[in-house]
N, C-alpha and C. Protein backbone atom coordinates (compact mmCIF):
# COMPACT_ATOMS: atom_id res chain seq x y z
N MET A 1 0.85 -1.21 -0.01
CA MET A 1 -0.04 0.02 -0.01
C MET A 1 0.85 1.23 0.03
N ASN A 2 0.71 2.11 -0.96
CA ASN A 2 1.49 3.29 -1.03
C ASN A 2 0.94 4.48 -0.22
N GLY A 3 1.62 5.45 -0.04
CA GLY A 3 1.21 6.62 0.77
C GLY A 3 -0.13 7.19 0.44
N TYR A 4 -0.39 7.38 -0.86
CA TYR A 4 -1.74 7.82 -1.24
C TYR A 4 -2.88 6.90 -0.90
N GLU A 5 -2.75 5.62 -1.07
CA GLU A 5 -3.72 4.76 -0.68
C GLU A 5 -3.82 4.71 0.77
N LEU A 6 -2.83 4.92 1.58
CA LEU A 6 -2.97 4.85 3.04
C LEU A 6 -3.74 6.12 3.47
N ILE A 7 -3.38 7.19 2.92
CA ILE A 7 -4.13 8.39 3.19
C ILE A 7 -5.58 8.20 2.99
N SER A 8 -6.01 7.75 1.84
CA SER A 8 -7.37 7.62 1.30
C SER A 8 -8.11 6.65 2.29
N GLU A 9 -7.35 5.63 2.76
CA GLU A 9 -8.06 4.61 3.66
C GLU A 9 -8.26 5.33 5.01
N PHE A 10 -7.24 6.07 5.42
CA PHE A 10 -7.41 6.86 6.63
C PHE A 10 -8.49 7.83 6.68
N ASP A 11 -8.67 8.58 5.50
CA ASP A 11 -9.68 9.44 5.29
C ASP A 11 -11.11 8.74 5.43
N ARG A 12 -11.30 7.55 4.77
CA ARG A 12 -12.50 6.78 4.67
C ARG A 12 -12.82 6.34 6.20
N VAL A 13 -11.94 5.93 6.84
CA VAL A 13 -12.11 5.32 8.26
C VAL A 13 -12.53 6.41 9.27
N ILE A 14 -11.86 7.62 9.03
CA ILE A 14 -12.22 8.73 9.88
C ILE A 14 -13.54 9.23 9.72
N LYS A 15 -14.08 9.18 8.38
CA LYS A 15 -15.44 9.60 8.05
C LYS A 15 -16.44 8.71 8.53
N ASP A 16 -16.11 7.36 8.67
CA ASP A 16 -17.01 6.39 9.20
C ASP A 16 -17.06 6.50 10.66
N ILE A 17 -15.86 6.94 11.42
CA ILE A 17 -15.89 6.92 12.85
C ILE A 17 -16.68 8.16 13.36
N ILE A 18 -16.50 9.34 12.74
CA ILE A 18 -17.03 10.54 13.38
C ILE A 18 -18.55 10.63 12.92
N VAL A 19 -19.32 10.71 14.17
CA VAL A 19 -20.78 10.84 13.97
C VAL A 19 -21.35 12.17 14.53
N VAL A 20 -22.15 12.69 13.64
CA VAL A 20 -22.58 14.05 14.04
C VAL A 20 -24.03 13.79 14.59
N PRO A 21 -24.33 14.45 15.67
CA PRO A 21 -25.59 14.25 16.30
C PRO A 21 -26.73 14.83 15.48
N ASN A 22 -27.99 14.11 15.56
CA ASN A 22 -29.13 14.60 14.77
C ASN A 22 -29.47 15.95 15.17
N SER A 23 -29.32 16.34 16.34
CA SER A 23 -29.87 17.62 16.81
C SER A 23 -29.00 18.81 16.16
N TRP A 24 -27.86 18.50 15.67
CA TRP A 24 -27.15 19.52 15.00
C TRP A 24 -27.42 19.73 13.48
N LEU A 25 -28.17 18.71 12.91
CA LEU A 25 -28.34 18.64 11.58
C LEU A 25 -29.73 19.16 11.16
N PRO A 26 -29.72 19.83 9.86
CA PRO A 26 -31.19 20.06 9.39
C PRO A 26 -31.90 18.80 9.26
N GLU A 27 -33.33 18.92 9.25
CA GLU A 27 -34.24 17.83 9.19
C GLU A 27 -33.78 16.77 7.97
N ASN A 28 -33.64 17.21 6.90
CA ASN A 28 -33.51 16.36 5.87
C ASN A 28 -32.11 15.60 5.83
N PHE A 29 -31.18 15.83 6.70
CA PHE A 29 -29.93 15.11 6.91
C PHE A 29 -29.87 14.23 8.01
N ARG A 30 -31.04 14.30 8.86
CA ARG A 30 -30.98 13.45 9.92
C ARG A 30 -31.29 11.91 9.81
N ASP A 31 -30.87 11.09 10.58
CA ASP A 31 -31.17 9.66 10.49
C ASP A 31 -31.90 9.43 11.75
N ASN A 32 -33.16 9.34 11.73
CA ASN A 32 -34.04 9.11 12.89
C ASN A 32 -33.95 7.62 13.45
N ARG A 33 -33.40 6.81 12.68
CA ARG A 33 -33.14 5.50 13.27
C ARG A 33 -31.98 5.38 14.26
N THR A 34 -31.20 6.40 14.29
CA THR A 34 -30.07 6.39 15.10
C THR A 34 -29.89 7.78 15.74
N ASP A 35 -28.87 7.97 16.61
CA ASP A 35 -28.64 9.22 17.31
C ASP A 35 -28.01 10.17 16.49
N GLY A 36 -27.19 9.74 15.37
CA GLY A 36 -26.47 10.57 14.58
C GLY A 36 -26.14 10.02 13.23
N VAL A 37 -25.40 10.87 12.37
CA VAL A 37 -25.04 10.49 11.04
C VAL A 37 -23.62 10.54 10.89
N SER A 38 -23.02 9.49 10.29
CA SER A 38 -21.49 9.62 10.09
C SER A 38 -21.11 10.64 8.97
N LEU A 39 -19.91 11.03 9.07
CA LEU A 39 -19.46 12.12 8.03
C LEU A 39 -19.49 11.54 6.65
N ALA A 40 -19.31 10.14 6.49
CA ALA A 40 -19.27 9.57 5.15
C ALA A 40 -20.74 9.62 4.70
N ASP A 41 -21.81 9.27 5.59
CA ASP A 41 -23.16 9.47 5.08
C ASP A 41 -23.58 10.77 4.59
N LEU A 42 -23.13 11.81 5.45
CA LEU A 42 -23.35 13.29 5.27
C LEU A 42 -22.77 13.48 3.92
N GLU A 43 -21.52 13.11 3.65
CA GLU A 43 -20.94 13.54 2.42
C GLU A 43 -21.65 12.86 1.25
N SER A 44 -22.04 11.59 1.37
CA SER A 44 -22.89 11.00 0.31
C SER A 44 -24.14 11.64 -0.03
N LYS A 45 -24.81 12.32 1.10
CA LYS A 45 -26.10 12.97 0.94
C LYS A 45 -25.78 14.26 0.11
N CYS A 46 -24.58 14.86 0.57
CA CYS A 46 -24.30 16.24 0.02
C CYS A 46 -23.98 15.94 -1.49
N ASP A 47 -23.26 14.91 -1.79
CA ASP A 47 -22.94 14.68 -3.36
C ASP A 47 -24.10 14.35 -4.04
N SER A 48 -25.06 13.58 -3.54
CA SER A 48 -26.35 13.33 -4.24
C SER A 48 -27.15 14.69 -4.60
N LEU A 49 -27.13 15.57 -3.68
CA LEU A 49 -27.63 16.96 -3.76
C LEU A 49 -27.08 17.71 -5.02
N GLU A 50 -25.68 17.64 -4.89
CA GLU A 50 -25.08 18.32 -5.80
C GLU A 50 -25.23 17.82 -7.40
N ILE A 51 -25.30 16.52 -7.55
CA ILE A 51 -25.58 15.96 -8.96
C ILE A 51 -27.01 15.81 -9.27
N GLY A 52 -27.78 16.07 -8.19
CA GLY A 52 -29.33 15.99 -8.38
C GLY A 52 -29.90 14.66 -8.45
N GLU A 53 -29.07 13.56 -8.34
CA GLU A 53 -29.68 12.18 -8.46
C GLU A 53 -29.03 11.39 -7.29
N THR A 54 -30.01 10.47 -6.83
CA THR A 54 -29.35 9.55 -5.79
C THR A 54 -28.76 8.29 -6.37
N ASP A 55 -28.06 7.58 -5.64
CA ASP A 55 -27.47 6.27 -6.24
C ASP A 55 -28.63 5.49 -6.76
N HIS A 56 -29.69 5.43 -6.10
CA HIS A 56 -30.86 4.59 -6.61
C HIS A 56 -31.33 4.95 -7.95
N GLN A 57 -31.54 6.34 -8.15
CA GLN A 57 -32.00 6.91 -9.33
C GLN A 57 -30.96 6.58 -10.56
N ILE A 58 -29.75 6.73 -10.14
CA ILE A 58 -28.87 6.46 -11.21
C ILE A 58 -28.91 4.95 -11.62
N GLU A 59 -29.05 4.24 -10.75
CA GLU A 59 -28.92 2.71 -10.97
C GLU A 59 -30.24 2.29 -11.74
N LYS A 60 -31.45 3.03 -11.39
CA LYS A 60 -32.62 2.71 -12.18
C LYS A 60 -32.56 3.28 -13.46
N ARG A 61 -32.03 4.38 -13.72
CA ARG A 61 -31.97 4.94 -15.07
C ARG A 61 -31.07 4.00 -15.90
N GLU A 62 -30.02 3.62 -15.34
CA GLU A 62 -29.09 2.53 -16.10
C GLU A 62 -29.82 1.16 -16.36
N LYS A 63 -30.63 0.71 -15.50
CA LYS A 63 -31.40 -0.51 -15.77
C LYS A 63 -32.35 -0.35 -16.87
N ASP A 64 -33.00 0.84 -16.71
CA ASP A 64 -34.16 1.03 -17.81
C ASP A 64 -33.48 1.19 -19.20
N ARG A 65 -32.23 1.89 -19.24
CA ARG A 65 -31.54 1.95 -20.61
C ARG A 65 -31.19 0.67 -21.12
N ARG A 66 -30.65 -0.23 -20.25
CA ARG A 66 -30.35 -1.58 -20.67
C ARG A 66 -31.54 -2.39 -21.00
N ILE A 67 -32.56 -2.22 -20.28
CA ILE A 67 -33.80 -2.94 -20.62
C ILE A 67 -34.33 -2.63 -22.01
N SER A 68 -34.29 -1.38 -22.37
CA SER A 68 -34.80 -0.98 -23.55
C SER A 68 -34.02 -1.43 -24.79
N LEU A 69 -32.62 -1.42 -24.48
CA LEU A 69 -31.78 -2.07 -25.53
C LEU A 69 -32.00 -3.58 -25.74
N TYR A 70 -32.19 -4.37 -24.62
CA TYR A 70 -32.51 -5.68 -24.84
C TYR A 70 -33.87 -5.90 -25.55
N ALA A 71 -34.90 -5.06 -25.07
CA ALA A 71 -36.18 -5.19 -25.81
C ALA A 71 -36.04 -4.88 -27.40
N SER A 72 -35.23 -4.01 -27.62
CA SER A 72 -35.06 -3.78 -29.24
C SER A 72 -34.37 -4.86 -29.78
N GLN A 73 -33.37 -5.59 -29.09
CA GLN A 73 -32.74 -6.66 -29.75
C GLN A 73 -33.60 -7.78 -29.86
N ILE A 74 -34.49 -8.09 -28.86
CA ILE A 74 -35.53 -9.21 -29.08
C ILE A 74 -36.43 -8.92 -30.36
N ALA A 75 -37.02 -7.50 -30.28
CA ALA A 75 -37.91 -7.20 -31.18
C ALA A 75 -37.32 -7.48 -32.74
N SER A 76 -36.11 -7.26 -32.78
CA SER A 76 -35.35 -7.28 -34.24
C SER A 76 -34.91 -8.67 -34.57
N GLY A 77 -35.38 -9.67 -33.58
CA GLY A 77 -34.96 -11.10 -33.65
C GLY A 77 -33.59 -11.40 -33.44
N GLN A 78 -32.82 -10.62 -32.75
CA GLN A 78 -31.33 -10.82 -32.40
C GLN A 78 -31.27 -11.48 -31.13
N GLU A 79 -30.13 -12.10 -30.85
CA GLU A 79 -29.96 -12.77 -29.61
C GLU A 79 -29.43 -11.62 -28.74
N ILE A 80 -29.75 -11.74 -27.52
CA ILE A 80 -29.43 -10.68 -26.46
C ILE A 80 -28.01 -10.60 -26.34
N THR A 81 -27.49 -9.54 -26.36
CA THR A 81 -26.01 -9.19 -26.02
C THR A 81 -25.98 -8.46 -24.79
N TYR A 82 -25.62 -9.13 -23.62
CA TYR A 82 -25.66 -8.49 -22.33
C TYR A 82 -24.49 -7.47 -22.27
N LEU A 83 -24.96 -6.27 -21.62
CA LEU A 83 -24.11 -5.08 -21.48
C LEU A 83 -23.68 -4.89 -20.01
N MET A 84 -22.64 -4.38 -19.98
CA MET A 84 -22.03 -4.17 -18.70
C MET A 84 -22.51 -2.65 -18.27
N LYS A 85 -22.66 -2.19 -17.09
CA LYS A 85 -23.01 -1.00 -16.65
C LYS A 85 -22.07 0.04 -17.32
N GLY A 86 -22.82 1.11 -17.90
CA GLY A 86 -22.15 2.31 -18.46
C GLY A 86 -21.67 2.13 -19.86
N THR A 87 -22.01 0.89 -20.49
CA THR A 87 -21.61 0.58 -21.91
C THR A 87 -22.65 0.86 -22.81
């Protein structure tokens, strides 16, 4: 493991360890199942707000795209060519 990987792993572990109490957070960032939210989860929520889509929405869009391609292959009598994500 080189220095950059070590720092990246340290960063990830720290973000999982530090928990921000729900009382410090706006309502839409709170996790009412627990007493607080980890920095990693907060960062993920902020990232999804910036790009405008959640991980679930991105995955659903990708699945829908592949399904329509498979349907067109079947409609034209072709054998299905399975696609990897993002291709």
